[in-house]
């Protein structure tokens, strides 16, 4: 697997994982103030979710890299 393909695959995996991780632990803010959406989360913890996403995506990418280098999966 070349570096550009490896990076592109990691980016795709990262985005898939972030959309799976975003709903974790979301609680509505309660009463909405004027101009705020009632469904907006009280504390979204985006930085924590980005770190979790990065770690999970790296683990998935390493597994895929191992599978490609051992000829279990091919991009050709």
PDB file of N, CA and C in Angstrom:
ATOM      1  N   UNK A   1       0.864  -1.172   0.000  1.00  0.00           N
ATOM      2  CA  UNK A   1       0.000   0.000   0.000  1.00  0.00           C
ATOM      3  C   UNK A   1       0.910   1.234   0.000  1.00  0.00           C
ATOM      4  N   UNK A   2       0.686   2.146  -0.930  1.00  0.00           N
ATOM      5  CA  UNK A   2       1.484   3.362  -0.999  1.00  0.00           C
ATOM      6  C   UNK A   2       0.991   4.367   0.047  1.00  0.00           C
ATOM      7  N   UNK A   3       1.826   5.370   0.334  1.00  0.00           N
ATOM      8  CA  UNK A   3       1.468   6.372   1.348  1.00  0.00           C
ATOM      9  C   UNK A   3       0.207   7.153   0.991  1.00  0.00           C
ATOM     10  N   UNK A   4       0.053   7.624  -0.241  1.00  0.00           N
ATOM     11  CA  UNK A   4      -1.179   8.364  -0.549  1.00  0.00           C
ATOM     12  C   UNK A   4      -2.440   7.514  -0.352  1.00  0.00           C
ATOM     13  N   UNK A   5      -2.378   6.249  -0.748  1.00  0.00           N
ATOM     14  CA  UNK A   5      -3.538   5.375  -0.553  1.00  0.00           C
ATOM     15  C   UNK A   5      -3.761   5.133   0.933  1.00  0.00           C
ATOM     16  N   UNK A   6      -2.680   4.916   1.684  1.00  0.00           N
ATOM     17  CA  UNK A   6      -2.794   4.700   3.115  1.00  0.00           C
ATOM     18  C   UNK A   6      -3.414   5.887   3.838  1.00  0.00           C
ATOM     19  N   UNK A   7      -3.001   7.080   3.460  1.00  0.00           N
ATOM     20  CA  UNK A   7      -3.559   8.294   4.074  1.00  0.00           C
ATOM     21  C   UNK A   7      -5.026   8.458   3.692  1.00  0.00           C
ATOM     22  N   UNK A   8      -5.348   8.226   2.432  1.00  0.00           N
ATOM     23  CA  UNK A   8      -6.739   8.352   1.987  1.00  0.00           C
ATOM     24  C   UNK A   8      -7.639   7.346   2.701  1.00  0.00           C
ATOM     25  N   UNK A   9      -7.161   6.122   2.867  1.00  0.00           N
ATOM     26  CA  UNK A   9      -7.949   5.109   3.567  1.00  0.00           C
ATOM     27  C   UNK A   9      -8.137   5.504   5.027  1.00  0.00           C
ATOM     28  N   UNK A  10      -7.072   6.036   5.663  1.00  0.00           N
ATOM     29  CA  UNK A  10      -7.190   6.478   7.059  1.00  0.00           C
ATOM     30  C   UNK A  10      -8.219   7.602   7.199  1.00  0.00           C
ATOM     31  N   UNK A  11      -8.211   8.552   6.287  1.00  0.00           N
ATOM     32  CA  UNK A  11      -9.172   9.665   6.350  1.00  0.00           C
ATOM     33  C   UNK A  11     -10.601   9.154   6.213  1.00  0.00           C
ATOM     34  N   UNK A  12     -10.828   8.236   5.301  1.00  0.00           N
ATOM     35  CA  UNK A  12     -12.173   7.672   5.135  1.00  0.00           C
ATOM     36  C   UNK A  12     -12.590   6.929   6.400  1.00  0.00           C
ATOM     37  N   UNK A  13     -11.688   6.116   6.942  1.00  0.00           N
ATOM     38  CA  UNK A  13     -12.003   5.394   8.181  1.00  0.00           C
ATOM     39  C   UNK A  13     -12.286   6.374   9.304  1.00  0.00           C
ATOM     40  N   UNK A  14     -11.490   7.440   9.426  1.00  0.00           N
ATOM     41  CA  UNK A  14     -11.671   8.430  10.500  1.00  0.00           C
ATOM     42  C   UNK A  14     -13.063   9.057  10.422  1.00  0.00           C
ATOM     43  N   UNK A  15     -13.501   9.437   9.232  1.00  0.00           N
ATOM     44  CA  UNK A  15     -14.816  10.071   9.095  1.00  0.00           C
ATOM     45  C   UNK A  15     -15.951   9.102   9.397  1.00  0.00           C
ATOM     46  N   UNK A  16     -15.812   7.864   9.011  1.00  0.00           N
ATOM     47  CA  UNK A  16     -16.842   6.874   9.331  1.00  0.00           C
ATOM     48  C   UNK A  16     -16.926   6.698  10.847  1.00  0.00           C
ATOM     49  N   UNK A  17     -15.771   6.616  11.496  1.00  0.00           N
ATOM     50  CA  UNK A  17     -15.757   6.419  12.950  1.00  0.00           C
ATOM     51  C   UNK A  17     -16.284   7.646  13.682  1.00  0.00           C
ATOM     52  N   UNK A  18     -15.960   8.863  13.238  1.00  0.00           N
ATOM     53  CA  UNK A  18     -16.444  10.061  13.945  1.00  0.00           C
ATOM     54  C   UNK A  18     -17.963  10.121  13.925  1.00  0.00           C
ATOM     55  N   UNK A  19     -18.582   9.724  12.808  1.00  0.00           N
ATOM     56  CA  UNK A  19     -20.043   9.742  12.769  1.00  0.00           C
ATOM     57  C   UNK A  19     -20.645   8.656  13.650  1.00  0.00           C
ATOM     58  N   UNK A  20     -19.898   7.605  13.937  1.00  0.00           N
ATOM     59  CA  UNK A  20     -20.364   6.581  14.868  1.00  0.00           C
ATOM     60  C   UNK A  20     -20.163   7.026  16.318  1.00  0.00           C
ATOM     61  N   UNK A  21     -19.140   7.829  16.585  1.00  0.00           N
ATOM     62  CA  UNK A  21     -18.796   8.237  17.948  1.00  0.00           C
ATOM     63  C   UNK A  21     -19.567   9.485  18.395  1.00  0.00           C
ATOM     64  N   UNK A  22     -19.942  10.353  17.486  1.00  0.00           N
ATOM     65  CA  UNK A  22     -20.582  11.620  17.864  1.00  0.00           C
ATOM     66  C   UNK A  22     -21.802  11.478  18.773  1.00  0.00           C
ATOM     67  N   UNK A  23     -22.675  10.505  18.604  1.00  0.00           N
ATOM     68  CA  UNK A  23     -23.853  10.433  19.481  1.00  0.00           C
ATOM     69  C   UNK A  23     -23.574   9.917  20.896  1.00  0.00           C
ATOM     70  N   UNK A  24     -22.382   9.417  21.164  1.00  0.00           N
ATOM     71  CA  UNK A  24     -22.084   8.851  22.485  1.00  0.00           C
ATOM     72  C   UNK A  24     -22.196   9.907  23.577  1.00  0.00           C
ATOM     73  N   UNK A  25     -22.973   9.638  24.594  1.00  0.00           N
ATOM     74  CA  UNK A  25     -23.059  10.495  25.778  1.00  0.00           C
ATOM     75  C   UNK A  25     -23.757  11.820  25.585  1.00  0.00           C
ATOM     76  N   UNK A  26     -24.529  11.966  24.556  1.00  0.00           N
ATOM     77  CA  UNK A  26     -25.209  13.233  24.307  1.00  0.00           C
ATOM     78  C   UNK A  26     -26.459  13.336  25.174  1.00  0.00           C
ATOM     79  N   UNK A  27     -26.567  14.437  25.891  1.00  0.00           N
ATOM     80  CA  UNK A  27     -27.741  14.752  26.684  1.00  0.00           C
ATOM     81  C   UNK A  27     -28.251  16.125  26.246  1.00  0.00           C
ATOM     82  N   UNK A  28     -29.555  16.275  26.061  1.00  0.00           N
ATOM     83  CA  UNK A  28     -30.063  17.588  25.665  1.00  0.00           C
ATOM     84  C   UNK A  28     -29.796  18.629  26.748  1.00  0.00           C
ATOM     85  N   UNK A  29     -29.682  19.868  26.320  1.00  0.00           N
ATOM     86  CA  UNK A  29     -29.344  20.961  27.229  1.00  0.00           C
ATOM     87  C   UNK A  29     -30.483  21.299  28.178  1.00  0.00           C
ATOM     88  N   UNK A  30     -31.650  20.819  27.921  1.00  0.00           N
ATOM     89  CA  UNK A  30     -32.785  21.156  28.789  1.00  0.00           C
ATOM     90  C   UNK A  30     -33.586  22.285  28.176  1.00  0.00           C
ATOM     91  N   UNK A  31     -33.916  23.255  29.006  1.00  0.00           N
ATOM     92  CA  UNK A  31     -34.670  24.401  28.494  1.00  0.00           C
ATOM     93  C   UNK A  31     -33.811  25.198  27.530  1.00  0.00           C
ATOM     94  N   UNK A  32     -34.354  25.428  26.366  1.00  0.00           N
ATOM     95  CA  UNK A  32     -33.615  26.186  25.357  1.00  0.00           C
ATOM     96  C   UNK A  32     -33.839  27.680  25.557  1.00  0.00           C
ATOM     97  N   UNK A  33     -32.749  28.436  25.528  1.00  0.00           N
ATOM     98  CA  UNK A  33     -32.847  29.884  25.575  1.00  0.00           C
ATOM     99  C   UNK A  33     -33.283  30.384  24.206  1.00  0.00           C
ATOM    100  N   UNK A  34     -33.685  31.620  24.167  1.00  0.00           N
ATOM    101  CA  UNK A  34     -34.083  32.228  22.907  1.00  0.00           C
ATOM    102  C   UNK A  34     -32.912  32.168  21.923  1.00  0.00           C
ATOM    103  N   UNK A  35     -33.154  31.565  20.754  1.00  0.00           N
ATOM    104  CA  UNK A  35     -32.132  31.487  19.720  1.00  0.00           C
ATOM    105  C   UNK A  35     -31.291  30.225  19.751  1.00  0.00           C
ATOM    106  N   UNK A  36     -31.525  29.349  20.728  1.00  0.00           N
ATOM    107  CA  UNK A  36     -30.783  28.092  20.817  1.00  0.00           C
ATOM    108  C   UNK A  36     -31.711  26.931  20.498  1.00  0.00           C
ATOM    109  N   UNK A  37     -31.168  25.933  19.801  1.00  0.00           N
ATOM    110  CA  UNK A  37     -31.950  24.754  19.452  1.00  0.00           C
ATOM    111  C   UNK A  37     -32.197  23.920  20.704  1.00  0.00           C
ATOM    112  N   UNK A  38     -33.423  23.453  20.871  1.00  0.00           N
ATOM    113  CA  UNK A  38     -33.771  22.658  22.050  1.00  0.00           C
ATOM    114  C   UNK A  38     -33.057  21.312  22.045  1.00  0.00           C
ATOM    115  N   UNK A  39     -32.652  20.826  20.895  1.00  0.00           N
ATOM    116  CA  UNK A  39     -31.979  19.542  20.807  1.00  0.00           C
ATOM    117  C   UNK A  39     -30.465  19.631  20.867  1.00  0.00           C
ATOM    118  N   UNK A  40     -29.924  20.815  21.063  1.00  0.00           N
ATOM    119  CA  UNK A  40     -28.470  20.974  21.124  1.00  0.00           C
ATOM    120  C   UNK A  40     -27.923  20.320  22.388  1.00  0.00           C
ATOM    121  N   UNK A  41     -26.782  19.640  22.291  1.00  0.00           N
ATOM    122  CA  UNK A  41     -26.233  18.977  23.477  1.00  0.00           C
ATOM    123  C   UNK A  41     -25.699  19.974  24.499  1.00  0.00           C
ATOM    124  N   UNK A  42     -25.811  19.600  25.771  1.00  0.00           N
ATOM    125  CA  UNK A  42     -25.319  20.460  26.839  1.00  0.00           C
ATOM    126  C   UNK A  42     -23.797  20.505  26.844  1.00  0.00           C
ATOM    127  N   UNK A  43     -23.154  19.355  26.686  1.00  0.00           N
ATOM    128  CA  UNK A  43     -21.696  19.281  26.690  1.00  0.00           C
ATOM    129  C   UNK A  43     -21.271  18.257  25.641  1.00  0.00           C
ATOM    130  N   UNK A  44     -20.968  18.678  24.417  1.00  0.00           N
ATOM    131  CA  UNK A  44     -20.688  17.722  23.344  1.00  0.00           C
ATOM    132  C   UNK A  44     -19.350  16.995  23.475  1.00  0.00           C
ATOM    133  N   UNK A  45     -18.382  17.529  24.206  1.00  0.00           N
ATOM    134  CA  UNK A  45     -17.055  16.918  24.409  1.00  0.00           C
ATOM    135  C   UNK A  45     -16.422  16.499  23.086  1.00  0.00           C
ATOM    136  N   UNK A  46     -16.322  17.444  22.180  1.00  0.00           N
ATOM    137  CA  UNK A  46     -15.800  17.179  20.837  1.00  0.00           C
ATOM    138  C   UNK A  46     -14.334  16.752  20.867  1.00  0.00           C
ATOM    139  N   UNK A  47     -13.517  17.375  21.707  1.00  0.00           N
ATOM    140  CA  UNK A  47     -12.092  17.021  21.753  1.00  0.00           C
ATOM    141  C   UNK A  47     -11.899  15.569  22.194  1.00  0.00           C
ATOM    142  N   UNK A  48     -12.638  15.130  23.207  1.00  0.00           N
ATOM    143  CA  UNK A  48     -12.552  13.742  23.661  1.00  0.00           C
ATOM    144  C   UNK A  48     -12.999  12.789  22.563  1.00  0.00           C
ATOM    145  N   UNK A  49     -14.063  13.130  21.880  1.00  0.00           N
ATOM    146  CA  UNK A  49     -14.564  12.272  20.806  1.00  0.00           C
ATOM    147  C   UNK A  49     -13.587  12.229  19.634  1.00  0.00           C
ATOM    148  N   UNK A  50     -12.893  13.329  19.366  1.00  0.00           N
ATOM    149  CA  UNK A  50     -11.877  13.333  18.304  1.00  0.00           C
ATOM    150  C   UNK A  50     -10.703  12.435  18.678  1.00  0.00           C
ATOM    151  N   UNK A  51     -10.301  12.449  19.959  1.00  0.00           N
ATOM    152  CA  UNK A  51      -9.218  11.567  20.400  1.00  0.00           C
ATOM    153  C   UNK A  51      -9.625  10.099  20.326  1.00  0.00           C
ATOM    154  N   UNK A  52     -10.842   9.793  20.761  1.00  0.00           N
ATOM    155  CA  UNK A  52     -11.341   8.423  20.673  1.00  0.00           C
ATOM    156  C   UNK A  52     -11.401   7.984  19.219  1.00  0.00           C
ATOM    157  N   UNK A  53     -11.900   8.866  18.358  1.00  0.00           N
ATOM    158  CA  UNK A  53     -12.004   8.551  16.936  1.00  0.00           C
ATOM    159  C   UNK A  53     -10.633   8.286  16.333  1.00  0.00           C
ATOM    160  N   UNK A  54      -9.648   9.096  16.684  1.00  0.00           N
ATOM    161  CA  UNK A  54      -8.298   8.929  16.160  1.00  0.00           C
ATOM    162  C   UNK A  54      -7.718   7.583  16.587  1.00  0.00           C
ATOM    163  N   UNK A  55      -7.919   7.209  17.843  1.00  0.00           N
ATOM    164  CA  UNK A  55      -7.389   5.936  18.334  1.00  0.00           C
ATOM    165  C   UNK A  55      -8.088   4.746  17.669  1.00  0.00           C
ATOM    166  N   UNK A  56      -9.404   4.794  17.571  1.00  0.00           N
ATOM    167  CA  UNK A  56     -10.149   3.696  16.957  1.00  0.00           C
ATOM    168  C   UNK A  56      -9.815   3.601  15.470  1.00  0.00           C
ATOM    169  N   UNK A  57      -9.752   4.731  14.780  1.00  0.00           N
ATOM    170  CA  UNK A  57      -9.422   4.721  13.354  1.00  0.00           C
ATOM    171  C   UNK A  57      -8.003   4.197  13.125  1.00  0.00           C
ATOM    172  N   UNK A  58      -7.077   4.539  14.013  1.00  0.00           N
ATOM    173  CA  UNK A  58      -5.709   4.034  13.881  1.00  0.00           C
ATOM    174  C   UNK A  58      -5.673   2.521  14.056  1.00  0.00           C
ATOM    175  N   UNK A  59      -6.433   2.007  15.022  1.00  0.00           N
ATOM    176  CA  UNK A  59      -6.472   0.554  15.232  1.00  0.00           C
ATOM    177  C   UNK A  59      -7.074  -0.160  14.020  1.00  0.00           C
ATOM    178  N   UNK A  60      -8.144   0.384  13.476  1.00  0.00           N
ATOM    179  CA  UNK A  60      -8.758  -0.210  12.283  1.00  0.00           C
ATOM    180  C   UNK A  60      -7.796  -0.134  11.104  1.00  0.00           C
ATOM    181  N   UNK A  61      -7.133   1.015  10.945  1.00  0.00           N
ATOM    182  CA  UNK A  61      -6.190   1.170   9.839  1.00  0.00           C
ATOM    183  C   UNK A  61      -5.022   0.197   9.969  1.00  0.00           C
ATOM    184  N   UNK A  62      -4.509   0.024  11.185  1.00  0.00           N
ATOM    185  CA  UNK A  62      -3.413  -0.924  11.383  1.00  0.00           C
ATOM    186  C   UNK A  62      -3.851  -2.349  11.044  1.00  0.00           C
ATOM    187  N   UNK A  63      -5.067  -2.705  11.420  1.00  0.00           N
ATOM    188  CA  UNK A  63      -5.587  -4.019  11.050  1.00  0.00           C
ATOM    189  C   UNK A  63      -5.699  -4.179   9.546  1.00  0.00           C
ATOM    190  N   UNK A  64      -6.187  -3.152   8.867  1.00  0.00           N
ATOM    191  CA  UNK A  64      -6.289  -3.200   7.411  1.00  0.00           C
ATOM    192  C   UNK A  64      -4.906  -3.238   6.771  1.00  0.00           C
ATOM    193  N   UNK A  65      -3.966  -2.461   7.316  1.00  0.00           N
ATOM    194  CA  UNK A  65      -2.598  -2.465   6.794  1.00  0.00           C
ATOM    195  C   UNK A  65      -1.974  -3.854   6.931  1.00  0.00           C
ATOM    196  N   UNK A  66      -2.196  -4.488   8.074  1.00  0.00           N
ATOM    197  CA  UNK A  66      -1.687  -5.828   8.276  1.00  0.00           C
ATOM    198  C   UNK A  66      -2.302  -6.793   7.254  1.00  0.00           C
ATOM    199  N   UNK A  67      -3.611  -6.662   7.029  1.00  0.00           N
ATOM    200  CA  UNK A  67      -4.291  -7.542   6.070  1.00  0.00           C
ATOM    201  C   UNK A  67      -3.762  -7.326   4.650  1.00  0.00           C
ATOM    202  N   UNK A  68      -3.464  -6.089   4.291  1.00  0.00           N
ATOM    203  CA  UNK A  68      -2.947  -5.799   2.949  1.00  0.00           C
ATOM    204  C   UNK A  68      -1.527  -6.324   2.802  1.00  0.00           C
ATOM    205  N   UNK A  69      -0.702  -6.127   3.825  1.00  0.00           N
ATOM    206  CA  UNK A  69       0.697  -6.587   3.712  1.00  0.00           C
ATOM    207  C   UNK A  69       0.814  -8.099   3.746  1.00  0.00           C
ATOM    208  N   UNK A  70      -0.183  -8.787   4.280  1.00  0.00           N
ATOM    209  CA  UNK A  70      -0.168 -10.251   4.305  1.00  0.00           C
ATOM    210  C   UNK A  70      -1.055 -10.833   3.174  1.00  0.00           C
ATOM    211  N   UNK A  71      -1.370 -10.019   2.196  1.00  0.00           N
ATOM    212  CA  UNK A  71      -2.112 -10.407   1.000  1.00  0.00           C
ATOM    213  C   UNK A  71      -3.498 -10.996   1.294  1.00  0.00           C
ATOM    214  N   UNK A  72      -4.126 -10.562   2.354  1.00  0.00           N
ATOM    215  CA  UNK A  72      -5.498 -10.974   2.640  1.00  0.00           C
ATOM    216  C   UNK A  72      -6.503 -10.066   1.915  1.00  0.00           C
ATOM    217  N   UNK A  73      -6.088  -8.800   1.702  1.00  0.00           N
ATOM    218  CA  UNK A  73      -6.912  -7.808   1.009  1.00  0.00           C
ATOM    219  C   UNK A  73      -5.999  -7.118   0.002  1.00  0.00           C
ATOM    220  N   UNK A  74      -6.551  -6.781  -1.169  1.00  0.00           N
ATOM    221  CA  UNK A  74      -5.762  -6.088  -2.178  1.00  0.00           C
ATOM    222  C   UNK A  74      -6.556  -4.912  -2.726  1.00  0.00           C
ATOM    223  N   UNK A  75      -5.857  -3.809  -2.975  1.00  0.00           N
ATOM    224  CA  UNK A  75      -6.491  -2.634  -3.585  1.00  0.00           C
ATOM    225  C   UNK A  75      -6.299  -2.632  -5.098  1.00  0.00           C
ATOM    226  N   UNK A  76      -5.793  -3.701  -5.665  1.00  0.00           N
ATOM    227  CA  UNK A  76      -5.553  -3.778  -7.104  1.00  0.00           C
ATOM    228  C   UNK A  76      -6.558  -4.637  -7.785  1.00  0.00           C
TER     229      UNK A  76
END
